[in-house]
């Protein structure tokens, strides 16, 4: 992983468009060529993405997934989570399964996707991330390991003005080290919906939270631990790439780093306890 610049391959998916009307038809045509090659009538894997007001950013996700280099039969399902923009218009131009979920929240969106999925394995993706072409291969290899019920991968941030790649690399090194500590007793704290997988049979038994609950991905992982172990996919090649818009909410890079350090120091001791303090009802 280069600590000075973003990987070259993600540039193809950083579309410059600001709204649906700006997206040329040839962009949809190129993505659909890849989707046609991947779509299977008998998928082993179902990739589920819940999208809310992502009429342009969803192209990053689906565009990168359309270039997957895999022989694994799969399907891609995008759930429109009650969007108020033209997300649905974008989805209608893409050759994938899509559904509309009027109940707001990542949990309801992912639950609808899972209930309509055909694959033995579920992979969760976010609607504004860029995926490497090996992503499905690494995640499924982990899920097919004996005794494993859920997997999660690592992620990196796409640099931009004010958040350079070397600065973000420092943040990611710290993040990955903390993830190793968490994984010992509380791997569910590392399970984010941008790169997470599990066995559908058990996911259906537990279900997602049917409300707008933060951390529903980790809670699903926690519930799945009664059926088997959780595996971390550590490969840097398998990293998912996402923007820094969530980081910006905390201010500048120095403010972000300071806030993260303070937060981790305060809760460091809980990483050695498997018990969750808060487990709300699912509906």
C-alpha atoms as a PDB file:
ATOM      1  CA  UNK A   1       0.000   0.000   0.000  1.00  0.00           C
ATOM      2  CA  UNK A   2       1.510   3.318  -1.121  1.00  0.00           C
ATOM      3  CA  UNK A   3       1.634   5.876   1.698  1.00  0.00           C
ATOM      4  CA  UNK A   4       2.098   8.856  -0.650  1.00  0.00           C
ATOM      5  CA  UNK A   5      -0.710   8.551  -3.203  1.00  0.00           C
ATOM      6  CA  UNK A   6      -4.007   6.834  -3.881  1.00  0.00           C
ATOM      7  CA  UNK A   7      -3.789   3.626  -5.909  1.00  0.00           C
ATOM      8  CA  UNK A   8      -3.981   4.275  -9.635  1.00  0.00           C
ATOM      9  CA  UNK A   9      -6.781   1.782 -10.271  1.00  0.00           C
ATOM     10  CA  UNK A  10      -9.409   3.668  -8.246  1.00  0.00           C
ATOM     11  CA  UNK A  11      -9.218   6.685 -10.573  1.00  0.00           C
ATOM     12  CA  UNK A  12     -11.438   4.928 -13.113  1.00  0.00           C
ATOM     13  CA  UNK A  13     -14.296   4.961 -10.603  1.00  0.00           C
ATOM     14  CA  UNK A  14     -14.014   8.515  -9.288  1.00  0.00           C
ATOM     15  CA  UNK A  15     -16.739   9.802 -11.560  1.00  0.00           C
ATOM     16  CA  UNK A  16     -16.867  13.618 -11.824  1.00  0.00           C
ATOM     17  CA  UNK A  17     -20.642  13.941 -12.189  1.00  0.00           C
ATOM     18  CA  UNK A  18     -22.692  15.969  -9.729  1.00  0.00           C
ATOM     19  CA  UNK A  19     -26.198  14.697 -10.502  1.00  0.00           C
ATOM     20  CA  UNK A  20     -28.029  11.980 -12.420  1.00  0.00           C
ATOM     21  CA  UNK A  21     -28.660  14.163 -15.469  1.00  0.00           C
ATOM     22  CA  UNK A  22     -24.906  14.627 -15.964  1.00  0.00           C
ATOM     23  CA  UNK A  23     -24.130  10.904 -16.268  1.00  0.00           C
ATOM     24  CA  UNK A  24     -23.525   9.925 -19.932  1.00  0.00           C
ATOM     25  CA  UNK A  25     -25.242   6.808 -21.262  1.00  0.00           C
ATOM     26  CA  UNK A  26     -21.867   5.309 -22.162  1.00  0.00           C
ATOM     27  CA  UNK A  27     -20.979   5.137 -18.456  1.00  0.00           C
ATOM     28  CA  UNK A  28     -24.022   2.961 -17.822  1.00  0.00           C
ATOM     29  CA  UNK A  29     -23.242   0.906 -20.926  1.00  0.00           C
ATOM     30  CA  UNK A  30     -19.694   0.185 -19.761  1.00  0.00           C
ATOM     31  CA  UNK A  31     -20.819  -0.825 -16.273  1.00  0.00           C
ATOM     32  CA  UNK A  32     -23.590  -3.022 -17.663  1.00  0.00           C
ATOM     33  CA  UNK A  33     -21.142  -4.947 -19.846  1.00  0.00           C
ATOM     34  CA  UNK A  34     -19.369  -6.045 -16.682  1.00  0.00           C
ATOM     35  CA  UNK A  35     -22.608  -6.734 -14.809  1.00  0.00           C
ATOM     36  CA  UNK A  36     -23.879  -8.946 -17.620  1.00  0.00           C
ATOM     37  CA  UNK A  37     -20.749 -11.093 -17.330  1.00  0.00           C
ATOM     38  CA  UNK A  38     -21.075 -11.411 -13.539  1.00  0.00           C
ATOM     39  CA  UNK A  39     -24.808 -11.925 -13.042  1.00  0.00           C
ATOM     40  CA  UNK A  40     -25.705 -15.561 -12.377  1.00  0.00           C
ATOM     41  CA  UNK A  41     -29.092 -17.299 -12.252  1.00  0.00           C
ATOM     42  CA  UNK A  42     -27.724 -19.579  -9.527  1.00  0.00           C
ATOM     43  CA  UNK A  43     -25.496 -17.339  -7.388  1.00  0.00           C
ATOM     44  CA  UNK A  44     -23.313 -18.640  -4.601  1.00  0.00           C
ATOM     45  CA  UNK A  45     -22.837 -15.073  -3.367  1.00  0.00           C
ATOM     46  CA  UNK A  46     -25.274 -12.180  -3.016  1.00  0.00           C
ATOM     47  CA  UNK A  47     -23.718  -8.729  -2.723  1.00  0.00           C
ATOM     48  CA  UNK A  48     -26.121  -6.392  -0.916  1.00  0.00           C
ATOM     49  CA  UNK A  49     -25.885  -2.606  -0.948  1.00  0.00           C
ATOM     50  CA  UNK A  50     -28.284  -0.260   0.821  1.00  0.00           C
ATOM     51  CA  UNK A  51     -28.362   3.184  -0.809  1.00  0.00           C
ATOM     52  CA  UNK A  52     -29.871   6.424   0.436  1.00  0.00           C
ATOM     53  CA  UNK A  53     -29.592   9.522  -1.789  1.00  0.00           C
ATOM     54  CA  UNK A  54     -26.627   8.206  -3.768  1.00  0.00           C
ATOM     55  CA  UNK A  55     -27.728   8.947  -7.350  1.00  0.00           C
ATOM     56  CA  UNK A  56     -24.094   9.510  -8.420  1.00  0.00           C
ATOM     57  CA  UNK A  57     -21.912   7.879  -5.746  1.00  0.00           C
ATOM     58  CA  UNK A  58     -23.599   4.505  -6.239  1.00  0.00           C
ATOM     59  CA  UNK A  59     -21.750   4.417  -9.579  1.00  0.00           C
ATOM     60  CA  UNK A  60     -18.444   4.155  -7.692  1.00  0.00           C
ATOM     61  CA  UNK A  61     -19.608   1.028  -5.955  1.00  0.00           C
ATOM     62  CA  UNK A  62     -21.387  -0.691  -8.810  1.00  0.00           C
ATOM     63  CA  UNK A  63     -18.782   0.428 -11.350  1.00  0.00           C
ATOM     64  CA  UNK A  64     -15.948  -1.123  -9.340  1.00  0.00           C
ATOM     65  CA  UNK A  65     -17.956  -4.288  -8.633  1.00  0.00           C
ATOM     66  CA  UNK A  66     -18.655  -4.648 -12.358  1.00  0.00           C
ATOM     67  CA  UNK A  67     -14.897  -5.141 -12.849  1.00  0.00           C
ATOM     68  CA  UNK A  68     -14.593  -8.008 -10.355  1.00  0.00           C
ATOM     69  CA  UNK A  69     -12.143 -10.677 -11.465  1.00  0.00           C
ATOM     70  CA  UNK A  70     -13.878 -13.785 -10.184  1.00  0.00           C
ATOM     71  CA  UNK A  71     -15.351 -17.079 -11.340  1.00  0.00           C
ATOM     72  CA  UNK A  72     -17.686 -17.231  -8.355  1.00  0.00           C
ATOM     73  CA  UNK A  73     -21.361 -17.046  -9.465  1.00  0.00           C
ATOM     74  CA  UNK A  74     -22.952 -13.998  -7.899  1.00  0.00           C
ATOM     75  CA  UNK A  75     -25.723 -11.442  -7.939  1.00  0.00           C
ATOM     76  CA  UNK A  76     -25.696  -7.773  -6.975  1.00  0.00           C
ATOM     77  CA  UNK A  77     -28.684  -6.344  -5.113  1.00  0.00           C
ATOM     78  CA  UNK A  78     -29.104  -2.641  -4.400  1.00  0.00           C
ATOM     79  CA  UNK A  79     -31.867  -1.537  -2.043  1.00  0.00           C
ATOM     80  CA  UNK A  80     -33.116   2.026  -2.457  1.00  0.00           C
ATOM     81  CA  UNK A  81     -33.563   3.028   1.179  1.00  0.00           C
ATOM     82  CA  UNK A  82     -36.316   5.626   0.720  1.00  0.00           C
ATOM     83  CA  UNK A  83     -34.148   8.031  -1.292  1.00  0.00           C
ATOM     84  CA  UNK A  84     -35.501  11.487  -2.109  1.00  0.00           C
ATOM     85  CA  UNK A  85     -33.096  12.150  -4.996  1.00  0.00           C
ATOM     86  CA  UNK A  86     -32.756  10.251  -8.296  1.00  0.00           C
ATOM     87  CA  UNK A  87     -31.102   7.138  -6.905  1.00  0.00           C
ATOM     88  CA  UNK A  88     -33.915   5.028  -8.352  1.00  0.00           C
ATOM     89  CA  UNK A  89     -33.403   6.490 -11.823  1.00  0.00           C
ATOM     90  CA  UNK A  90     -29.725   5.521 -11.628  1.00  0.00           C
ATOM     91  CA  UNK A  91     -30.585   1.990 -10.490  1.00  0.00           C
ATOM     92  CA  UNK A  92     -33.099   1.582 -13.309  1.00  0.00           C
ATOM     93  CA  UNK A  93     -30.274   2.058 -15.817  1.00  0.00           C
ATOM     94  CA  UNK A  94     -28.091  -0.633 -14.236  1.00  0.00           C
ATOM     95  CA  UNK A  95     -28.519  -4.339 -14.897  1.00  0.00           C
ATOM     96  CA  UNK A  96     -28.823  -5.544 -11.345  1.00  0.00           C
ATOM     97  CA  UNK A  97     -31.603  -6.396  -8.915  1.00  0.00           C
ATOM     98  CA  UNK A  98     -33.000  -3.444  -7.020  1.00  0.00           C
ATOM     99  CA  UNK A  99     -35.717  -3.031  -4.407  1.00  0.00           C
ATOM    100  CA  UNK A 100     -37.326  -0.117  -2.571  1.00  0.00           C
ATOM    101  CA  UNK A 101     -37.353  -0.098   1.233  1.00  0.00           C
ATOM    102  CA  UNK A 102     -39.533   2.685   2.702  1.00  0.00           C
ATOM    103  CA  UNK A 103     -38.291   2.075   6.249  1.00  0.00           C
ATOM    104  CA  UNK A 104     -35.310   4.366   6.842  1.00  0.00           C
ATOM    105  CA  UNK A 105     -32.069   2.816   8.055  1.00  0.00           C
ATOM    106  CA  UNK A 106     -29.208   0.561   6.989  1.00  0.00           C
ATOM    107  CA  UNK A 107     -30.715  -2.386   8.869  1.00  0.00           C
ATOM    108  CA  UNK A 108     -34.068  -2.344   7.054  1.00  0.00           C
ATOM    109  CA  UNK A 109     -32.300  -1.897   3.718  1.00  0.00           C
ATOM    110  CA  UNK A 110     -29.929  -4.805   4.303  1.00  0.00           C
ATOM    111  CA  UNK A 111     -32.715  -6.977   5.702  1.00  0.00           C
ATOM    112  CA  UNK A 112     -34.755  -6.537   2.510  1.00  0.00           C
ATOM    113  CA  UNK A 113     -31.713  -7.368   0.407  1.00  0.00           C
ATOM    114  CA  UNK A 114     -30.979 -10.492   2.447  1.00  0.00           C
ATOM    115  CA  UNK A 115     -34.584 -11.699   2.260  1.00  0.00           C
ATOM    116  CA  UNK A 116     -34.524 -11.400  -1.539  1.00  0.00           C
ATOM    117  CA  UNK A 117     -31.045 -12.874  -1.966  1.00  0.00           C
ATOM    118  CA  UNK A 118     -30.413 -16.308  -3.445  1.00  0.00           C
ATOM    119  CA  UNK A 119     -26.780 -16.842  -2.481  1.00  0.00           C
ATOM    120  CA  UNK A 120     -25.474 -19.055   0.288  1.00  0.00           C
ATOM    121  CA  UNK A 121     -23.154 -16.227   1.291  1.00  0.00           C
ATOM    122  CA  UNK A 122     -24.026 -12.565   1.842  1.00  0.00           C
ATOM    123  CA  UNK A 123     -21.463  -9.823   1.247  1.00  0.00           C
ATOM    124  CA  UNK A 124     -22.334  -6.314   2.409  1.00  0.00           C
ATOM    125  CA  UNK A 125     -21.084  -3.230   0.593  1.00  0.00           C
ATOM    126  CA  UNK A 126     -21.575   0.507   1.063  1.00  0.00           C
ATOM    127  CA  UNK A 127     -23.048   2.739  -1.621  1.00  0.00           C
ATOM    128  CA  UNK A 128     -20.091   5.138  -1.832  1.00  0.00           C
ATOM    129  CA  UNK A 129     -17.080   2.803  -1.721  1.00  0.00           C
ATOM    130  CA  UNK A 130     -14.695   1.482  -4.371  1.00  0.00           C
ATOM    131  CA  UNK A 131     -13.950  -2.257  -4.399  1.00  0.00           C
ATOM    132  CA  UNK A 132     -10.822  -4.073  -5.637  1.00  0.00           C
ATOM    133  CA  UNK A 133     -11.326  -6.754  -8.283  1.00  0.00           C
ATOM    134  CA  UNK A 134     -10.245  -9.498  -5.848  1.00  0.00           C
ATOM    135  CA  UNK A 135     -12.715  -8.540  -3.099  1.00  0.00           C
ATOM    136  CA  UNK A 136     -15.247 -11.343  -3.593  1.00  0.00           C
ATOM    137  CA  UNK A 137     -12.522 -13.998  -3.903  1.00  0.00           C
ATOM    138  CA  UNK A 138     -10.875 -13.066  -0.602  1.00  0.00           C
ATOM    139  CA  UNK A 139     -14.138 -12.703   1.298  1.00  0.00           C
ATOM    140  CA  UNK A 140     -15.610 -15.989   0.072  1.00  0.00           C
ATOM    141  CA  UNK A 141     -12.368 -17.864   0.745  1.00  0.00           C
ATOM    142  CA  UNK A 142     -12.671 -16.710   4.349  1.00  0.00           C
ATOM    143  CA  UNK A 143     -16.325 -17.721   4.587  1.00  0.00           C
ATOM    144  CA  UNK A 144     -15.556 -21.178   3.236  1.00  0.00           C
ATOM    145  CA  UNK A 145     -13.045 -21.818   6.026  1.00  0.00           C
ATOM    146  CA  UNK A 146     -14.317 -24.470   8.440  1.00  0.00           C
ATOM    147  CA  UNK A 147     -15.967 -22.997  11.533  1.00  0.00           C
ATOM    148  CA  UNK A 148     -16.191 -19.438  10.147  1.00  0.00           C
ATOM    149  CA  UNK A 149     -19.619 -17.791  10.119  1.00  0.00           C
ATOM    150  CA  UNK A 150     -18.659 -14.192   9.339  1.00  0.00           C
ATOM    151  CA  UNK A 151     -15.751 -12.248   7.843  1.00  0.00           C
ATOM    152  CA  UNK A 152     -14.739  -8.620   7.561  1.00  0.00           C
ATOM    153  CA  UNK A 153     -12.098  -6.769   5.566  1.00  0.00           C
ATOM    154  CA  UNK A 154      -9.992  -3.660   6.059  1.00  0.00           C
ATOM    155  CA  UNK A 155     -10.529  -0.284   4.440  1.00  0.00           C
ATOM    156  CA  UNK A 156      -8.596   2.831   3.487  1.00  0.00           C
ATOM    157  CA  UNK A 157      -9.460   6.465   2.827  1.00  0.00           C
ATOM    158  CA  UNK A 158      -9.154   8.239  -0.507  1.00  0.00           C
ATOM    159  CA  UNK A 159      -6.964  11.301  -0.003  1.00  0.00           C
ATOM    160  CA  UNK A 160      -7.992  14.808  -0.989  1.00  0.00           C
ATOM    161  CA  UNK A 161      -7.061  18.379  -0.087  1.00  0.00           C
ATOM    162  CA  UNK A 162      -6.525  18.654   3.669  1.00  0.00           C
ATOM    163  CA  UNK A 163      -6.266  14.884   4.085  1.00  0.00           C
ATOM    164  CA  UNK A 164      -3.093  13.697   2.355  1.00  0.00           C
ATOM    165  CA  UNK A 165      -2.373  10.038   1.748  1.00  0.00           C
ATOM    166  CA  UNK A 166       0.556   9.940   4.196  1.00  0.00           C
ATOM    167  CA  UNK A 167      -1.606  11.490   6.915  1.00  0.00           C
ATOM    168  CA  UNK A 168      -4.395   9.022   6.257  1.00  0.00           C
ATOM    169  CA  UNK A 169      -1.843   6.188   6.273  1.00  0.00           C
ATOM    170  CA  UNK A 170      -0.933   7.114   9.861  1.00  0.00           C
ATOM    171  CA  UNK A 171      -4.614   6.981  10.792  1.00  0.00           C
ATOM    172  CA  UNK A 172      -5.023   3.625   9.054  1.00  0.00           C
ATOM    173  CA  UNK A 173      -1.985   2.073  10.748  1.00  0.00           C
ATOM    174  CA  UNK A 174      -3.419   3.074  14.119  1.00  0.00           C
ATOM    175  CA  UNK A 175      -6.843   1.819  13.093  1.00  0.00           C
ATOM    176  CA  UNK A 176      -5.478  -1.561  11.975  1.00  0.00           C
ATOM    177  CA  UNK A 177      -3.526  -1.994  15.224  1.00  0.00           C
ATOM    178  CA  UNK A 178      -6.643  -1.310  17.274  1.00  0.00           C
ATOM    179  CA  UNK A 179      -8.537  -3.770  15.065  1.00  0.00           C
ATOM    180  CA  UNK A 180      -6.046  -6.484  16.012  1.00  0.00           C
ATOM    181  CA  UNK A 181      -6.700  -5.820  19.695  1.00  0.00           C
ATOM    182  CA  UNK A 182     -10.463  -5.770  19.196  1.00  0.00           C
ATOM    183  CA  UNK A 183     -10.384  -8.999  17.240  1.00  0.00           C
ATOM    184  CA  UNK A 184      -9.192 -10.991  20.240  1.00  0.00           C
ATOM    185  CA  UNK A 185     -12.438 -10.664  22.216  1.00  0.00           C
ATOM    186  CA  UNK A 186     -14.714  -8.276  20.312  1.00  0.00           C
ATOM    187  CA  UNK A 187     -14.309  -8.837  16.565  1.00  0.00           C
ATOM    188  CA  UNK A 188     -17.829  -7.541  15.954  1.00  0.00           C
ATOM    189  CA  UNK A 189     -16.531  -4.023  16.638  1.00  0.00           C
ATOM    190  CA  UNK A 190     -14.471  -4.322  13.444  1.00  0.00           C
ATOM    191  CA  UNK A 191     -17.359  -5.531  11.283  1.00  0.00           C
ATOM    192  CA  UNK A 192     -18.488  -2.640   9.116  1.00  0.00           C
ATOM    193  CA  UNK A 193     -21.079  -2.888   6.362  1.00  0.00           C
ATOM    194  CA  UNK A 194     -18.618  -1.583   3.785  1.00  0.00           C
ATOM    195  CA  UNK A 195     -16.782  -4.922   3.775  1.00  0.00           C
ATOM    196  CA  UNK A 196     -18.487  -7.696   5.685  1.00  0.00           C
ATOM    197  CA  UNK A 197     -19.765 -11.172   4.866  1.00  0.00           C
ATOM    198  CA  UNK A 198     -21.687 -13.975   6.524  1.00  0.00           C
ATOM    199  CA  UNK A 199     -23.620 -17.187   5.891  1.00  0.00           C
ATOM    200  CA  UNK A 200     -27.126 -16.228   4.801  1.00  0.00           C
ATOM    201  CA  UNK A 201     -28.822 -19.105   6.651  1.00  0.00           C
ATOM    202  CA  UNK A 202     -27.690 -17.743   9.997  1.00  0.00           C
ATOM    203  CA  UNK A 203     -28.218 -14.128   9.008  1.00  0.00           C
ATOM    204  CA  UNK A 204     -31.880 -14.856   8.316  1.00  0.00           C
ATOM    205  CA  UNK A 205     -32.249 -16.478  11.726  1.00  0.00           C
ATOM    206  CA  UNK A 206     -30.924 -13.388  13.500  1.00  0.00           C
ATOM    207  CA  UNK A 207     -32.060 -10.558  11.222  1.00  0.00           C
ATOM    208  CA  UNK A 208     -31.024  -6.915  11.103  1.00  0.00           C
ATOM    209  CA  UNK A 209     -32.496  -4.197  13.290  1.00  0.00           C
ATOM    210  CA  UNK A 210     -35.581  -2.814  11.592  1.00  0.00           C
ATOM    211  CA  UNK A 211     -34.960   0.786  12.597  1.00  0.00           C
ATOM    212  CA  UNK A 212     -32.261   3.399  12.094  1.00  0.00           C
ATOM    213  CA  UNK A 213     -29.833   1.974  14.654  1.00  0.00           C
ATOM    214  CA  UNK A 214     -26.147   2.860  14.439  1.00  0.00           C
ATOM    215  CA  UNK A 215     -23.818  -0.132  14.324  1.00  0.00           C
ATOM    216  CA  UNK A 216     -26.373  -2.649  13.050  1.00  0.00           C
ATOM    217  CA  UNK A 217     -23.592  -4.352  11.066  1.00  0.00           C
ATOM    218  CA  UNK A 218     -21.525  -5.047  14.172  1.00  0.00           C
ATOM    219  CA  UNK A 219     -24.620  -6.183  16.028  1.00  0.00           C
ATOM    220  CA  UNK A 220     -25.380  -8.703  13.303  1.00  0.00           C
ATOM    221  CA  UNK A 221     -21.824 -10.011  13.612  1.00  0.00           C
ATOM    222  CA  UNK A 222     -22.228 -10.253  17.381  1.00  0.00           C
ATOM    223  CA  UNK A 223     -25.428 -12.270  16.998  1.00  0.00           C
ATOM    224  CA  UNK A 224     -23.769 -14.578  14.468  1.00  0.00           C
ATOM    225  CA  UNK A 225     -20.966 -15.484  16.859  1.00  0.00           C
ATOM    226  CA  UNK A 226     -23.229 -18.084  18.494  1.00  0.00           C
ATOM    227  CA  UNK A 227     -22.929 -20.132  15.265  1.00  0.00           C
ATOM    228  CA  UNK A 228     -19.184 -19.911  14.657  1.00  0.00           C
ATOM    229  CA  UNK A 229     -16.081 -17.745  14.544  1.00  0.00           C
ATOM    230  CA  UNK A 230     -15.347 -14.405  12.895  1.00  0.00           C
ATOM    231  CA  UNK A 231     -12.368 -14.081  10.557  1.00  0.00           C
ATOM    232  CA  UNK A 232     -10.501 -10.901   9.677  1.00  0.00           C
ATOM    233  CA  UNK A 233      -9.318 -10.654   6.046  1.00  0.00           C
ATOM    234  CA  UNK A 234      -6.042  -8.784   6.480  1.00  0.00           C
ATOM    235  CA  UNK A 235      -4.798  -8.594   2.895  1.00  0.00           C
ATOM    236  CA  UNK A 236      -3.976  -5.068   1.722  1.00  0.00           C
ATOM    237  CA  UNK A 237      -5.054  -6.074  -1.794  1.00  0.00           C
ATOM    238  CA  UNK A 238      -8.549  -6.644  -0.417  1.00  0.00           C
ATOM    239  CA  UNK A 239      -8.887  -3.140   1.072  1.00  0.00           C
ATOM    240  CA  UNK A 240     -12.035  -1.219   0.233  1.00  0.00           C
ATOM    241  CA  UNK A 241     -11.567   2.478  -0.500  1.00  0.00           C
ATOM    242  CA  UNK A 242     -13.882   5.182   0.794  1.00  0.00           C
ATOM    243  CA  UNK A 243     -13.984   8.982   0.926  1.00  0.00           C
ATOM    244  CA  UNK A 244     -13.208  11.202   3.890  1.00  0.00           C
ATOM    245  CA  UNK A 245     -16.610  12.860   4.287  1.00  0.00           C
ATOM    246  CA  UNK A 246     -17.210  11.152   7.650  1.00  0.00           C
ATOM    247  CA  UNK A 247     -13.785  12.295   8.860  1.00  0.00           C
ATOM    248  CA  UNK A 248     -14.504  15.891   7.863  1.00  0.00           C
ATOM    249  CA  UNK A 249     -17.317  16.008  10.398  1.00  0.00           C
ATOM    250  CA  UNK A 250     -14.627  16.081  13.098  1.00  0.00           C
ATOM    251  CA  UNK A 251     -12.683  18.928  11.456  1.00  0.00           C
ATOM    252  CA  UNK A 252      -9.097  18.970  10.195  1.00  0.00           C
ATOM    253  CA  UNK A 253      -6.841  15.923  10.080  1.00  0.00           C
ATOM    254  CA  UNK A 254      -5.138  16.847  13.360  1.00  0.00           C
ATOM    255  CA  UNK A 255      -8.536  17.220  15.029  1.00  0.00           C
ATOM    256  CA  UNK A 256      -9.657  13.870  13.627  1.00  0.00           C
ATOM    257  CA  UNK A 257      -6.513  12.103  14.848  1.00  0.00           C
ATOM    258  CA  UNK A 258      -6.748  13.680  18.289  1.00  0.00           C
ATOM    259  CA  UNK A 259     -10.421  12.741  18.639  1.00  0.00           C
ATOM    260  CA  UNK A 260      -9.742   9.148  17.573  1.00  0.00           C
ATOM    261  CA  UNK A 261      -6.872   8.749  20.042  1.00  0.00           C
ATOM    262  CA  UNK A 262      -8.933  10.125  22.937  1.00  0.00           C
ATOM    263  CA  UNK A 263     -11.857   7.870  22.032  1.00  0.00           C
ATOM    264  CA  UNK A 264      -9.736   4.711  21.825  1.00  0.00           C
ATOM    265  CA  UNK A 265      -7.881   5.435  25.078  1.00  0.00           C
ATOM    266  CA  UNK A 266     -11.190   5.864  26.941  1.00  0.00           C
ATOM    267  CA  UNK A 267     -12.616   2.552  25.802  1.00  0.00           C
ATOM    268  CA  UNK A 268      -9.446   0.475  25.426  1.00  0.00           C
ATOM    269  CA  UNK A 269     -10.229  -1.705  28.463  1.00  0.00           C
ATOM    270  CA  UNK A 270     -13.568  -2.908  27.058  1.00  0.00           C
ATOM    271  CA  UNK A 271     -11.810  -4.606  24.155  1.00  0.00           C
ATOM    272  CA  UNK A 272     -10.917  -7.470  26.456  1.00  0.00           C
ATOM    273  CA  UNK A 273     -14.539  -8.152  27.404  1.00  0.00           C
ATOM    274  CA  UNK A 274     -16.873 -10.016  25.016  1.00  0.00           C
ATOM    275  CA  UNK A 275     -20.080  -8.681  26.554  1.00  0.00           C
ATOM    276  CA  UNK A 276     -22.049  -5.902  24.851  1.00  0.00           C
ATOM    277  CA  UNK A 277     -23.539  -3.277  27.149  1.00  0.00           C
ATOM    278  CA  UNK A 278     -26.405  -2.256  24.847  1.00  0.00           C
ATOM    279  CA  UNK A 279     -28.580  -4.587  22.833  1.00  0.00           C
ATOM    280  CA  UNK A 280     -31.875  -2.899  21.827  1.00  0.00           C
ATOM    281  CA  UNK A 281     -34.905  -4.722  20.415  1.00  0.00           C
ATOM    282  CA  UNK A 282     -34.812  -5.368  16.667  1.00  0.00           C
ATOM    283  CA  UNK A 283     -38.172  -3.813  15.865  1.00  0.00           C
END
